[in-house]
PDB file of N, CA and C in Angstrom:
ATOM      1  N   MET A   1       0.842  -1.183   0.000  1.00  0.00           N
ATOM      2  CA  MET A   1       0.000   0.000   0.000  1.00  0.00           C
ATOM      3  C   MET A   1       0.880   1.235   0.000  1.00  0.00           C
ATOM      4  N   THR A   2       0.570   2.160  -0.848  1.00  0.00           N
ATOM      5  CA  THR A   2       1.325   3.398  -0.870  1.00  0.00           C
ATOM      6  C   THR A   2       0.706   4.382   0.101  1.00  0.00           C
ATOM      7  N   GLY A   3       1.509   5.342   0.519  1.00  0.00           N
ATOM      8  CA  GLY A   3       1.040   6.330   1.479  1.00  0.00           C
ATOM      9  C   GLY A   3       0.263   7.440   0.806  1.00  0.00           C
ATOM     10  N   PRO A   4      -0.271   8.357   1.591  1.00  0.00           N
ATOM     11  CA  PRO A   4      -1.037   9.477   1.063  1.00  0.00           C
ATOM     12  C   PRO A   4      -0.135  10.425   0.290  1.00  0.00           C
ATOM     13  N   THR A   5      -0.723  11.174  -0.590  1.00  0.00           N
ATOM     14  CA  THR A   5       0.042  12.111  -1.399  1.00  0.00           C
ATOM     15  C   THR A   5      -0.478  13.526  -1.189  1.00  0.00           C
ATOM     16  N   GLU A   6       0.329  14.482  -1.602  1.00  0.00           N
ATOM     17  CA  GLU A   6      -0.092  15.877  -1.556  1.00  0.00           C
ATOM     18  C   GLU A   6      -1.212  16.088  -2.575  1.00  0.00           C
ATOM     19  N   PRO A   7      -2.101  17.052  -2.344  1.00  0.00           N
ATOM     20  CA  PRO A   7      -3.173  17.314  -3.303  1.00  0.00           C
ATOM     21  C   PRO A   7      -2.606  17.749  -4.658  1.00  0.00           C
ATOM     22  N   GLU A   8      -3.270  17.334  -5.720  1.00  0.00           N
ATOM     23  CA  GLU A   8      -2.854  17.720  -7.059  1.00  0.00           C
ATOM     24  C   GLU A   8      -3.515  19.038  -7.426  1.00  0.00           C
ATOM     25  N   ALA A   9      -3.124  19.586  -8.588  1.00  0.00           N
ATOM     26  CA  ALA A   9      -3.679  20.856  -9.065  1.00  0.00           C
ATOM     27  C   ALA A   9      -5.196  20.760  -9.118  1.00  0.00           C
ATOM     28  N   GLY A  10      -5.857  21.779  -8.637  1.00  0.00           N
ATOM     29  CA  GLY A  10      -7.303  21.818  -8.637  1.00  0.00           C
ATOM     30  C   GLY A  10      -7.937  21.281  -7.376  1.00  0.00           C
ATOM     31  N   GLU A  11      -7.193  20.537  -6.570  1.00  0.00           N
ATOM     32  CA  GLU A  11      -7.722  20.033  -5.301  1.00  0.00           C
ATOM     33  C   GLU A  11      -7.561  21.092  -4.225  1.00  0.00           C
ATOM     34  N   GLU A  12      -8.321  20.931  -3.163  1.00  0.00           N
ATOM     35  CA  GLU A  12      -8.206  21.866  -2.052  1.00  0.00           C
ATOM     36  C   GLU A  12      -6.820  21.771  -1.428  1.00  0.00           C
ATOM     37  N   PRO A  13      -6.258  22.906  -0.996  1.00  0.00           N
ATOM     38  CA  PRO A  13      -4.930  22.851  -0.380  1.00  0.00           C
ATOM     39  C   PRO A  13      -4.957  22.061   0.919  1.00  0.00           C
ATOM     40  N   PHE A  14      -3.857  21.412   1.192  1.00  0.00           N
ATOM     41  CA  PHE A  14      -3.708  20.628   2.414  1.00  0.00           C
ATOM     42  C   PHE A  14      -3.639  21.568   3.613  1.00  0.00           C
ATOM     43  N   GLU A  15      -4.468  21.333   4.613  1.00  0.00           N
ATOM     44  CA  GLU A  15      -4.472  22.126   5.839  1.00  0.00           C
ATOM     45  C   GLU A  15      -4.093  21.239   7.013  1.00  0.00           C
ATOM     46  N   PRO A  16      -2.903  21.442   7.586  1.00  0.00           N
ATOM     47  CA  PRO A  16      -2.540  20.617   8.743  1.00  0.00           C
ATOM     48  C   PRO A  16      -3.444  20.927   9.935  1.00  0.00           C
ATOM     49  N   LEU A  17      -3.661  19.931  10.758  1.00  0.00           N
ATOM     50  CA  LEU A  17      -4.464  20.106  11.958  1.00  0.00           C
ATOM     51  C   LEU A  17      -3.692  20.913  12.994  1.00  0.00           C
ATOM     52  N   TYR A  18      -2.395  20.686  13.070  1.00  0.00           N
ATOM     53  CA  TYR A  18      -1.529  21.405  14.014  1.00  0.00           C
ATOM     54  C   TYR A  18      -0.632  22.361  13.241  1.00  0.00           C
ATOM     55  N   ASP A  19      -0.437  23.557  13.786  1.00  0.00           N
ATOM     56  CA  ASP A  19       0.330  24.590  13.094  1.00  0.00           C
ATOM     57  C   ASP A  19       1.825  24.325  13.046  1.00  0.00           C
ATOM     58  N   ASN A  20       2.333  23.586  14.030  1.00  0.00           N
ATOM     59  CA  ASN A  20       3.776  23.371  14.088  1.00  0.00           C
ATOM     60  C   ASN A  20       4.081  22.138  14.933  1.00  0.00           C
ATOM     61  N   LEU A  21       5.335  21.750  14.939  1.00  0.00           N
ATOM     62  CA  LEU A  21       5.761  20.557  15.655  1.00  0.00           C
ATOM     63  C   LEU A  21       5.479  20.663  17.148  1.00  0.00           C
ATOM     64  N   THR A  22       5.746  21.790  17.746  1.00  0.00           N
ATOM     65  CA  THR A  22       5.527  21.959  19.184  1.00  0.00           C
ATOM     66  C   THR A  22       4.069  21.713  19.550  1.00  0.00           C
ATOM     67  N   ASP A  23       3.155  22.271  18.777  1.00  0.00           N
ATOM     68  CA  ASP A  23       1.731  22.049  19.040  1.00  0.00           C
ATOM     69  C   ASP A  23       1.380  20.566  18.947  1.00  0.00           C
ATOM     70  N   TRP A  24       1.910  19.886  17.921  1.00  0.00           N
ATOM     71  CA  TRP A  24       1.611  18.470  17.749  1.00  0.00           C
ATOM     72  C   TRP A  24       2.169  17.646  18.906  1.00  0.00           C
ATOM     73  N   VAL A  25       3.404  17.926  19.306  1.00  0.00           N
ATOM     74  CA  VAL A  25       4.005  17.168  20.413  1.00  0.00           C
ATOM     75  C   VAL A  25       3.224  17.407  21.703  1.00  0.00           C
ATOM     76  N   GLU A  26       2.918  18.667  22.021  1.00  0.00           N
ATOM     77  CA  GLU A  26       2.251  18.989  23.284  1.00  0.00           C
ATOM     78  C   GLU A  26       0.799  18.542  23.325  1.00  0.00           C
ATOM     79  N   HIS A  27       0.076  18.699  22.214  1.00  0.00           N
ATOM     80  CA  HIS A  27      -1.367  18.460  22.233  1.00  0.00           C
ATOM     81  C   HIS A  27      -1.801  17.118  21.662  1.00  0.00           C
ATOM     82  N   HIS A  28      -0.928  16.461  20.942  1.00  0.00           N
ATOM     83  CA  HIS A  28      -1.282  15.140  20.420  1.00  0.00           C
ATOM     84  C   HIS A  28      -0.326  14.063  20.943  1.00  0.00           C
ATOM     85  N   PHE A  29       0.927  14.142  20.575  1.00  0.00           N
ATOM     86  CA  PHE A  29       1.880  13.092  20.909  1.00  0.00           C
ATOM     87  C   PHE A  29       1.970  12.841  22.411  1.00  0.00           C
ATOM     88  N   ALA A  30       2.235  13.879  23.184  1.00  0.00           N
ATOM     89  CA  ALA A  30       2.423  13.706  24.633  1.00  0.00           C
ATOM     90  C   ALA A  30       1.136  13.268  25.335  1.00  0.00           C
ATOM     91  N   GLN A  31      -0.005  13.610  24.773  1.00  0.00           N
ATOM     92  CA  GLN A  31      -1.282  13.225  25.376  1.00  0.00           C
ATOM     93  C   GLN A  31      -1.700  11.811  24.973  1.00  0.00           C
ATOM     94  N   THR A  32      -1.463  11.461  23.728  1.00  0.00           N
ATOM     95  CA  THR A  32      -1.929  10.180  23.197  1.00  0.00           C
ATOM     96  C   THR A  32      -1.006   9.030  23.543  1.00  0.00           C
ATOM     97  N   TYR A  33       0.288   9.250  23.461  1.00  0.00           N
ATOM     98  CA  TYR A  33       1.259   8.181  23.665  1.00  0.00           C
ATOM     99  C   TYR A  33       1.928   8.340  25.022  1.00  0.00           C
ATOM    100  N   ALA A  34       1.145   8.665  26.025  1.00  0.00           N
ATOM    101  CA  ALA A  34       1.659   8.865  27.384  1.00  0.00           C
ATOM    102  C   ALA A  34       1.935   7.520  28.034  1.00  0.00           C
ATOM    103  N   TRP A  35       3.062   7.400  28.654  1.00  0.00           N
ATOM    104  CA  TRP A  35       3.442   6.212  29.415  1.00  0.00           C
ATOM    105  C   TRP A  35       4.354   6.671  30.527  1.00  0.00           C
ATOM    106  N   LYS A  36       4.546   5.827  31.474  1.00  0.00           N
ATOM    107  CA  LYS A  36       5.435   6.141  32.588  1.00  0.00           C
ATOM    108  C   LYS A  36       6.858   5.812  32.159  1.00  0.00           C
ATOM    109  N   PRO A  37       7.662   6.832  31.845  1.00  0.00           N
ATOM    110  CA  PRO A  37       9.042   6.527  31.476  1.00  0.00           C
ATOM    111  C   PRO A  37       9.748   5.773  32.601  1.00  0.00           C
ATOM    112  N   GLY A  38      10.516   4.817  32.243  1.00  0.00           N
ATOM    113  CA  GLY A  38      11.239   4.014  33.222  1.00  0.00           C
ATOM    114  C   GLY A  38      12.548   3.548  32.637  1.00  0.00           C
ATOM    115  N   SER A  39      13.001   2.429  33.095  1.00  0.00           N
ATOM    116  CA  SER A  39      14.297   1.941  32.649  1.00  0.00           C
ATOM    117  C   SER A  39      14.295   1.527  31.180  1.00  0.00           C
ATOM    118  N   THR A  40      13.129   1.212  30.623  1.00  0.00           N
ATOM    119  CA  THR A  40      13.103   0.786  29.227  1.00  0.00           C
ATOM    120  C   THR A  40      12.566   1.851  28.279  1.00  0.00           C
ATOM    121  N   ALA A  41      11.837   2.818  28.753  1.00  0.00           N
ATOM    122  CA  ALA A  41      11.317   3.892  27.904  1.00  0.00           C
ATOM    123  C   ALA A  41      11.816   5.236  28.434  1.00  0.00           C
ATOM    124  N   ARG A  42      12.544   5.946  27.599  1.00  0.00           N
ATOM    125  CA  ARG A  42      13.106   7.228  28.012  1.00  0.00           C
ATOM    126  C   ARG A  42      12.366   8.372  27.315  1.00  0.00           C
ATOM    127  N   TRP A  43      12.168   9.453  28.039  1.00  0.00           N
ATOM    128  CA  TRP A  43      11.562  10.666  27.500  1.00  0.00           C
ATOM    129  C   TRP A  43      12.202  11.848  28.194  1.00  0.00           C
ATOM    130  N   CYS A  44      12.183  12.990  27.544  1.00  0.00           N
ATOM    131  CA  CYS A  44      12.709  14.214  28.148  1.00  0.00           C
ATOM    132  C   CYS A  44      11.719  15.336  27.889  1.00  0.00           C
ATOM    133  N   ALA A  45      11.324  16.027  28.948  1.00  0.00           N
ATOM    134  CA  ALA A  45      10.391  17.146  28.815  1.00  0.00           C
ATOM    135  C   ALA A  45      10.990  18.240  27.930  1.00  0.00           C
ATOM    136  N   SER A  46      12.300  18.317  27.872  1.00  0.00           N
ATOM    137  CA  SER A  46      12.989  19.274  26.995  1.00  0.00           C
ATOM    138  C   SER A  46      13.363  18.600  25.683  1.00  0.00           C
ATOM    139  N   TRP A  47      12.426  17.892  25.095  1.00  0.00           N
ATOM    140  CA  TRP A  47      12.637  17.166  23.843  1.00  0.00           C
ATOM    141  C   TRP A  47      13.185  18.072  22.759  1.00  0.00           C
ATOM    142  N   TRP A  48      12.795  19.338  22.773  1.00  0.00           N
ATOM    143  CA  TRP A  48      13.187  20.320  21.774  1.00  0.00           C
ATOM    144  C   TRP A  48      14.677  20.662  21.834  1.00  0.00           C
ATOM    145  N   ASP A  49      15.389  20.159  22.860  1.00  0.00           N
ATOM    146  CA  ASP A  49      16.825  20.399  22.989  1.00  0.00           C
ATOM    147  C   ASP A  49      17.637  19.161  22.587  1.00  0.00           C
ATOM    148  N   HIS A  50      17.014  18.264  21.846  1.00  0.00           N
ATOM    149  CA  HIS A  50      17.664  17.042  21.366  1.00  0.00           C
ATOM    150  C   HIS A  50      17.473  16.971  19.855  1.00  0.00           C
ATOM    151  N   ALA A  51      18.542  17.226  19.108  1.00  0.00           N
ATOM    152  CA  ALA A  51      18.447  17.307  17.643  1.00  0.00           C
ATOM    153  C   ALA A  51      17.837  16.055  17.027  1.00  0.00           C
ATOM    154  N   GLU A  52      18.257  14.881  17.466  1.00  0.00           N
ATOM    155  CA  GLU A  52      17.716  13.647  16.897  1.00  0.00           C
ATOM    156  C   GLU A  52      16.221  13.521  17.190  1.00  0.00           C
ATOM    157  N   ALA A  53      15.820  13.903  18.386  1.00  0.00           N
ATOM    158  CA  ALA A  53      14.398  13.830  18.742  1.00  0.00           C
ATOM    159  C   ALA A  53      13.577  14.773  17.865  1.00  0.00           C
ATOM    160  N   ILE A  54      14.065  15.960  17.647  1.00  0.00           N
ATOM    161  CA  ILE A  54      13.355  16.912  16.784  1.00  0.00           C
ATOM    162  C   ILE A  54      13.174  16.306  15.400  1.00  0.00           C
ATOM    163  N   TYR A  55      14.230  15.751  14.875  1.00  0.00           N
ATOM    164  CA  TYR A  55      14.202  15.157  13.538  1.00  0.00           C
ATOM    165  C   TYR A  55      13.166  14.033  13.455  1.00  0.00           C
ATOM    166  N   ARG A  56      13.192  13.132  14.434  1.00  0.00           N
ATOM    167  CA  ARG A  56      12.252  12.005  14.437  1.00  0.00           C
ATOM    168  C   ARG A  56      10.818  12.473  14.673  1.00  0.00           C
ATOM    169  N   LEU A  57      10.615  13.381  15.597  1.00  0.00           N
ATOM    170  CA  LEU A  57       9.269  13.888  15.878  1.00  0.00           C
ATOM    171  C   LEU A  57       8.713  14.685  14.696  1.00  0.00           C
ATOM    172  N   GLU A  58       9.563  15.440  14.047  1.00  0.00           N
ATOM    173  CA  GLU A  58       9.129  16.189  12.861  1.00  0.00           C
ATOM    174  C   GLU A  58       8.655  15.220  11.773  1.00  0.00           C
ATOM    175  N   ALA A  59       9.393  14.147  11.564  1.00  0.00           N
ATOM    176  CA  ALA A  59       8.987  13.143  10.577  1.00  0.00           C
ATOM    177  C   ALA A  59       7.650  12.521  10.972  1.00  0.00           C
ATOM    178  N   LEU A  60       7.489  12.227  12.251  1.00  0.00           N
ATOM    179  CA  LEU A  60       6.224  11.660  12.717  1.00  0.00           C
ATOM    180  C   LEU A  60       5.075  12.632  12.523  1.00  0.00           C
ATOM    181  N   TRP A  61       5.272  13.884  12.880  1.00  0.00           N
ATOM    182  CA  TRP A  61       4.196  14.872  12.749  1.00  0.00           C
ATOM    183  C   TRP A  61       3.775  15.048  11.291  1.00  0.00           C
ATOM    184  N   ARG A  62       4.757  15.231  10.420  1.00  0.00           N
ATOM    185  CA  ARG A  62       4.435  15.472   9.006  1.00  0.00           C
ATOM    186  C   ARG A  62       3.709  14.282   8.387  1.00  0.00           C
ATOM    187  N   THR A  63       4.151  13.075   8.674  1.00  0.00           N
ATOM    188  CA  THR A  63       3.470  11.903   8.114  1.00  0.00           C
ATOM    189  C   THR A  63       2.106  11.707   8.757  1.00  0.00           C
ATOM    190  N   TRP A  64       1.999  11.988  10.061  1.00  0.00           N
ATOM    191  CA  TRP A  64       0.706  11.876  10.746  1.00  0.00           C
ATOM    192  C   TRP A  64      -0.320  12.809  10.099  1.00  0.00           C
ATOM    193  N   GLU A  65       0.100  14.046   9.794  1.00  0.00           N
ATOM    194  CA  GLU A  65      -0.822  15.016   9.182  1.00  0.00           C
ATOM    195  C   GLU A  65      -1.393  14.494   7.868  1.00  0.00           C
ATOM    196  N   LEU A  66      -0.595  13.793   7.097  1.00  0.00           N
ATOM    197  CA  LEU A  66      -1.089  13.235   5.835  1.00  0.00           C
ATOM    198  C   LEU A  66      -1.918  11.974   6.050  1.00  0.00           C
ATOM    199  N   TYR A  67      -1.425  11.076   6.869  1.00  0.00           N
ATOM    200  CA  TYR A  67      -2.109   9.796   7.072  1.00  0.00           C
ATOM    201  C   TYR A  67      -3.446   9.947   7.797  1.00  0.00           C
ATOM    202  N   ARG A  68      -3.601  10.967   8.621  1.00  0.00           N
ATOM    203  CA  ARG A  68      -4.871  11.141   9.329  1.00  0.00           C
ATOM    204  C   ARG A  68      -6.017  11.412   8.363  1.00  0.00           C
ATOM    205  N   LEU A  69      -5.707  11.856   7.160  1.00  0.00           N
ATOM    206  CA  LEU A  69      -6.720  12.164   6.158  1.00  0.00           C
ATOM    207  C   LEU A  69      -7.161  10.942   5.362  1.00  0.00           C
ATOM    208  N   GLU A  70      -6.414   9.855   5.462  1.00  0.00           N
ATOM    209  CA  GLU A  70      -6.780   8.631   4.753  1.00  0.00           C
ATOM    210  C   GLU A  70      -7.924   7.960   5.515  1.00  0.00           C
ATOM    211  N   PRO A  71      -9.084   7.796   4.889  1.00  0.00           N
ATOM    212  CA  PRO A  71     -10.274   7.338   5.614  1.00  0.00           C
ATOM    213  C   PRO A  71     -10.245   5.881   6.066  1.00  0.00           C
ATOM    214  N   ARG A  72      -9.522   5.016   5.404  1.00  0.00           N
ATOM    215  CA  ARG A  72      -9.621   3.597   5.744  1.00  0.00           C
ATOM    216  C   ARG A  72      -8.479   3.127   6.633  1.00  0.00           C
ATOM    217  N   LEU A  73      -7.293   3.050   6.090  1.00  0.00           N
ATOM    218  CA  LEU A  73      -6.176   2.474   6.839  1.00  0.00           C
ATOM    219  C   LEU A  73      -5.097   3.492   7.179  1.00  0.00           C
ATOM    220  N   GLY A  74      -5.383   4.756   7.020  1.00  0.00           N
ATOM    221  CA  GLY A  74      -4.375   5.791   7.226  1.00  0.00           C
ATOM    222  C   GLY A  74      -3.670   5.720   8.567  1.00  0.00           C
ATOM    223  N   ILE A  75      -4.414   5.845   9.643  1.00  0.00           N
ATOM    224  CA  ILE A  75      -3.798   5.862  10.972  1.00  0.00           C
ATOM    225  C   ILE A  75      -3.224   4.501  11.322  1.00  0.00           C
ATOM    226  N   ALA A  76      -3.895   3.429  10.958  1.00  0.00           N
ATOM    227  CA  ALA A  76      -3.354   2.092  11.226  1.00  0.00           C
ATOM    228  C   ALA A  76      -2.017   1.912  10.507  1.00  0.00           C
ATOM    229  N   SER A  77      -1.950   2.357   9.267  1.00  0.00           N
ATOM    230  CA  SER A  77      -0.693   2.266   8.515  1.00  0.00           C
ATOM    231  C   SER A  77       0.372   3.161   9.134  1.00  0.00           C
ATOM    232  N   TRP A  78      -0.019   4.339   9.556  1.00  0.00           N
ATOM    233  CA  TRP A  78       0.932   5.271  10.181  1.00  0.00           C
ATOM    234  C   TRP A  78       1.497   4.676  11.471  1.00  0.00           C
ATOM    235  N   LEU A  79       0.641   4.073  12.271  1.00  0.00           N
ATOM    236  CA  LEU A  79       1.107   3.446  13.510  1.00  0.00           C
ATOM    237  C   LEU A  79       2.142   2.361  13.207  1.00  0.00           C
ATOM    238  N   ARG A  80       1.821   1.499  12.268  1.00  0.00           N
ATOM    239  CA  ARG A  80       2.701   0.382  11.931  1.00  0.00           C
ATOM    240  C   ARG A  80       3.992   0.839  11.252  1.00  0.00           C
ATOM    241  N   ASP A  81       3.862   1.725  10.260  1.00  0.00           N
ATOM    242  CA  ASP A  81       5.005   2.073   9.417  1.00  0.00           C
ATOM    243  C   ASP A  81       5.856   3.214   9.953  1.00  0.00           C
ATOM    244  N   TYR A  82       5.288   4.067  10.774  1.00  0.00           N
ATOM    245  CA  TYR A  82       6.019   5.250  11.227  1.00  0.00           C
ATOM    246  C   TYR A  82       6.175   5.313  12.744  1.00  0.00           C
ATOM    247  N   LEU A  83       5.055   5.328  13.460  1.00  0.00           N
ATOM    248  CA  LEU A  83       5.146   5.516  14.905  1.00  0.00           C
ATOM    249  C   LEU A  83       5.911   4.390  15.598  1.00  0.00           C
ATOM    250  N   ASP A  84       5.518   3.160  15.363  1.00  0.00           N
ATOM    251  CA  ASP A  84       6.138   2.056  16.099  1.00  0.00           C
ATOM    252  C   ASP A  84       7.655   2.008  15.929  1.00  0.00           C
ATOM    253  N   PRO A  85       8.187   2.059  14.701  1.00  0.00           N
ATOM    254  CA  PRO A  85       9.649   2.024  14.594  1.00  0.00           C
ATOM    255  C   PRO A  85      10.319   3.279  15.160  1.00  0.00           C
ATOM    256  N   GLN A  86       9.718   4.452  14.950  1.00  0.00           N
ATOM    257  CA  GLN A  86      10.334   5.674  15.463  1.00  0.00           C
ATOM    258  C   GLN A  86      10.254   5.749  16.981  1.00  0.00           C
ATOM    259  N   LEU A  87       9.140   5.336  17.545  1.00  0.00           N
ATOM    260  CA  LEU A  87       8.974   5.384  18.993  1.00  0.00           C
ATOM    261  C   LEU A  87       9.980   4.473  19.687  1.00  0.00           C
ATOM    262  N   SER A  88      10.237   3.307  19.106  1.00  0.00           N
ATOM    263  CA  SER A  88      11.212   2.411  19.733  1.00  0.00           C
ATOM    264  C   SER A  88      12.609   3.012  19.696  1.00  0.00           C
ATOM    265  N   GLN A  89      12.940   3.749  18.657  1.00  0.00           N
ATOM    266  CA  GLN A  89      14.245   4.414  18.584  1.00  0.00           C
ATOM    267  C   GLN A  89      14.286   5.656  19.478  1.00  0.00           C
ATOM    268  N   LEU A  90      13.221   6.425  19.447  1.00  0.00           N
ATOM    269  CA  LEU A  90      13.152   7.668  20.208  1.00  0.00           C
ATOM    270  C   LEU A  90      13.232   7.439  21.713  1.00  0.00           C
ATOM    271  N   THR A  91      12.555   6.421  22.201  1.00  0.00           N
ATOM    272  CA  THR A  91      12.486   6.172  23.648  1.00  0.00           C
ATOM    273  C   THR A  91      13.430   5.061  24.110  1.00  0.00           C
ATOM    274  N   SER A  92      14.271   4.604  23.223  1.00  0.00           N
ATOM    275  CA  SER A  92      15.226   3.540  23.549  1.00  0.00           C
ATOM    276  C   SER A  92      16.182   3.982  24.666  1.00  0.00           C
ATOM    277  N   PRO A  93      16.643   3.036  25.494  1.00  0.00           N
ATOM    278  CA  PRO A  93      17.633   3.374  26.525  1.00  0.00           C
ATOM    279  C   PRO A  93      18.938   3.920  25.943  1.00  0.00           C
ATOM    280  N   THR A  94      19.151   3.731  24.628  1.00  0.00           N
ATOM    281  CA  THR A  94      20.339   4.294  23.980  1.00  0.00           C
ATOM    282  C   THR A  94      19.977   5.404  23.005  1.00  0.00           C
ATOM    283  N   GLY A  95      18.718   5.846  23.023  1.00  0.00           N
ATOM    284  CA  GLY A  95      18.246   6.880  22.110  1.00  0.00           C
ATOM    285  C   GLY A  95      18.626   8.284  22.550  1.00  0.00           C
ATOM    286  N   PRO A  96      18.019   9.293  21.946  1.00  0.00           N
ATOM    287  CA  PRO A  96      18.394  10.678  22.225  1.00  0.00           C
ATOM    288  C   PRO A  96      18.160  11.134  23.662  1.00  0.00           C
ATOM    289  N   PHE A  97      17.286  10.436  24.401  1.00  0.00           N
ATOM    290  CA  PHE A  97      17.002  10.816  25.789  1.00  0.00           C
ATOM    291  C   PHE A  97      17.719   9.918  26.792  1.00  0.00           C
ATOM    292  N   ALA A  98      18.692   9.160  26.343  1.00  0.00           N
ATOM    293  CA  ALA A  98      19.361   8.154  27.181  1.00  0.00           C
ATOM    294  C   ALA A  98      19.899   8.719  28.487  1.00  0.00           C
ATOM    295  N   SER A  99      20.409   9.937  28.478  1.00  0.00           N
ATOM    296  CA  SER A  99      21.009  10.513  29.687  1.00  0.00           C
ATOM    297  C   SER A  99      20.040  11.354  30.501  1.00  0.00           C
ATOM    298  N   CYS A 100      18.801  11.454  30.045  1.00  0.00           N
ATOM    299  CA  CYS A 100      17.806  12.265  30.740  1.00  0.00           C
ATOM    300  C   CYS A 100      16.977  11.400  31.694  1.00  0.00           C
ATOM    301  N   THR A 101      16.473  12.032  32.733  1.00  0.00           N
ATOM    302  CA  THR A 101      15.527  11.403  33.645  1.00  0.00           C
ATOM    303  C   THR A 101      14.361  12.367  33.804  1.00  0.00           C
ATOM    304  N   GLU A 102      13.370  11.984  34.569  1.00  0.00           N
ATOM    305  CA  GLU A 102      12.250  12.898  34.815  1.00  0.00           C
ATOM    306  C   GLU A 102      12.717  14.159  35.531  1.00  0.00           C
ATOM    307  N   ASP A 103      13.799  14.055  36.284  1.00  0.00           N
ATOM    308  CA  ASP A 103      14.290  15.181  37.088  1.00  0.00           C
ATOM    309  C   ASP A 103      15.498  15.893  36.479  1.00  0.00           C
ATOM    310  N   ARG A 104      16.064  15.351  35.396  1.00  0.00           N
ATOM    311  CA  ARG A 104      17.300  15.931  34.861  1.00  0.00           C
ATOM    312  C   ARG A 104      17.289  15.888  33.338  1.00  0.00           C
ATOM    313  N   HIS A 105      17.613  17.028  32.735  1.00  0.00           N
ATOM    314  CA  HIS A 105      17.764  17.142  31.285  1.00  0.00           C
ATOM    315  C   HIS A 105      19.259  17.148  30.968  1.00  0.00           C
ATOM    316  N   SER A 106      19.681  16.271  30.093  1.00  0.00           N
ATOM    317  CA  SER A 106      21.088  16.188  29.687  1.00  0.00           C
ATOM    318  C   SER A 106      21.165  16.192  28.173  1.00  0.00           C
ATOM    319  N   PRO A 107      21.362  17.374  27.577  1.00  0.00           N
ATOM    320  CA  PRO A 107      21.429  17.418  26.119  1.00  0.00           C
ATOM    321  C   PRO A 107      22.609  16.612  25.597  1.00  0.00           C
ATOM    322  N   VAL A 108      22.412  16.004  24.452  1.00  0.00           N
ATOM    323  CA  VAL A 108      23.450  15.201  23.825  1.00  0.00           C
ATOM    324  C   VAL A 108      24.391  16.132  23.077  1.00  0.00           C
ATOM    325  N   LYS A 109      25.681  15.863  23.190  1.00  0.00           N
ATOM    326  CA  LYS A 109      26.677  16.654  22.461  1.00  0.00           C
ATOM    327  C   LYS A 109      26.861  16.051  21.076  1.00  0.00           C
ATOM    328  N   ALA A 110      27.230  16.896  20.136  1.00  0.00           N
ATOM    329  CA  ALA A 110      27.470  16.441  18.766  1.00  0.00           C
ATOM    330  C   ALA A 110      28.646  15.467  18.736  1.00  0.00           C
ATOM    331  N   LEU A 111      28.637  14.586  17.752  1.00  0.00           N
ATOM    332  CA  LEU A 111      29.752  13.659  17.574  1.00  0.00           C
ATOM    333  C   LEU A 111      31.008  14.438  17.208  1.00  0.00           C
ATOM    334  N   LEU A 112      32.137  13.995  17.693  1.00  0.00           N
ATOM    335  CA  LEU A 112      33.404  14.603  17.311  1.00  0.00           C
ATOM    336  C   LEU A 112      33.755  14.163  15.894  1.00  0.00           C
ATOM    337  N   THR A 113      34.283  15.071  15.123  1.00  0.00           N
ATOM    338  CA  THR A 113      34.734  14.737  13.772  1.00  0.00           C
ATOM    339  C   THR A 113      36.085  15.377  13.533  1.00  0.00           C
ATOM    340  N   ASN A 114      36.857  14.795  12.652  1.00  0.00           N
ATOM    341  CA  ASN A 114      38.138  15.354  12.226  1.00  0.00           C
ATOM    342  C   ASN A 114      38.023  15.761  10.774  1.00  0.00           C
ATOM    343  N   GLN A 115      38.724  16.815  10.404  1.00  0.00           N
ATOM    344  CA  GLN A 115      38.752  17.264   9.018  1.00  0.00           C
ATOM    345  C   GLN A 115      39.462  16.199   8.181  1.00  0.00           C
ATOM    346  N   PRO A 116      38.857  15.735   7.076  1.00  0.00           N
ATOM    347  CA  PRO A 116      39.540  14.742   6.253  1.00  0.00           C
ATOM    348  C   PRO A 116      40.753  15.364   5.559  1.00  0.00           C
ATOM    349  N   PRO A 117      41.747  14.535   5.237  1.00  0.00           N
ATOM    350  CA  PRO A 117      42.922  15.060   4.547  1.00  0.00           C
ATOM    351  C   PRO A 117      42.548  15.604   3.165  1.00  0.00           C
ATOM    352  N   GLU A 118      43.309  16.549   2.678  1.00  0.00           N
ATOM    353  CA  GLU A 118      43.014  17.175   1.385  1.00  0.00           C
ATOM    354  C   GLU A 118      42.947  16.142   0.268  1.00  0.00           C
ATOM    355  N   ALA A 119      43.821  15.134   0.316  1.00  0.00           N
ATOM    356  CA  ALA A 119      43.826  14.094  -0.714  1.00  0.00           C
ATOM    357  C   ALA A 119      42.471  13.376  -0.758  1.00  0.00           C
ATOM    358  N   TYR A 120      41.872  13.165   0.368  1.00  0.00           N
ATOM    359  CA  TYR A 120      40.561  12.525   0.426  1.00  0.00           C
ATOM    360  C   TYR A 120      39.517  13.371  -0.291  1.00  0.00           C
ATOM    361  N   LEU A 121      39.546  14.655  -0.021  1.00  0.00           N
ATOM    362  CA  LEU A 121      38.569  15.568  -0.635  1.00  0.00           C
ATOM    363  C   LEU A 121      38.769  15.656  -2.144  1.00  0.00           C
ATOM    364  N   ASN A 122      40.010  15.577  -2.607  1.00  0.00           N
ATOM    365  CA  ASN A 122      40.291  15.652  -4.053  1.00  0.00           C
ATOM    366  C   ASN A 122      39.807  14.410  -4.782  1.00  0.00           C
ATOM    367  N   ASP A 123      39.695  13.287  -4.077  1.00  0.00           N
ATOM    368  CA  ASP A 123      39.259  12.033  -4.709  1.00  0.00           C
ATOM    369  C   ASP A 123      37.746  11.938  -4.838  1.00  0.00           C
ATOM    370  N   LEU A 124      37.011  12.855  -4.254  1.00  0.00           N
ATOM    371  CA  LEU A 124      35.543  12.771  -4.310  1.00  0.00           C
ATOM    372  C   LEU A 124      34.992  13.139  -5.650  1.00  0.00           C
TER     373      LEU A 124
END
């Protein structure tokens, strides 16, 4: 099954239900997929300070906005194809919130990188 598509010429413009990612996380995601974070599920109230979390949540929000409009299997497909795999990565004990607890926010630092040698860049 293919996913939903953007409206074609002549169709009504797509209107998202939520204006932005923050609204979707606060009013849909955090309310609907609420669980007690523990040793196996990690969450951080300062989710917006975790680059990987923003990226994953943004992907979830954008796909949710499209799939919610599919009348038959839209949300079921979204749960299976998008939410379930992303949620397991997002809340994993090694995911973006791994160092956070309910009482402590610990932003993840960027990976260290070294500048490649000039010869490497010339071979690209």
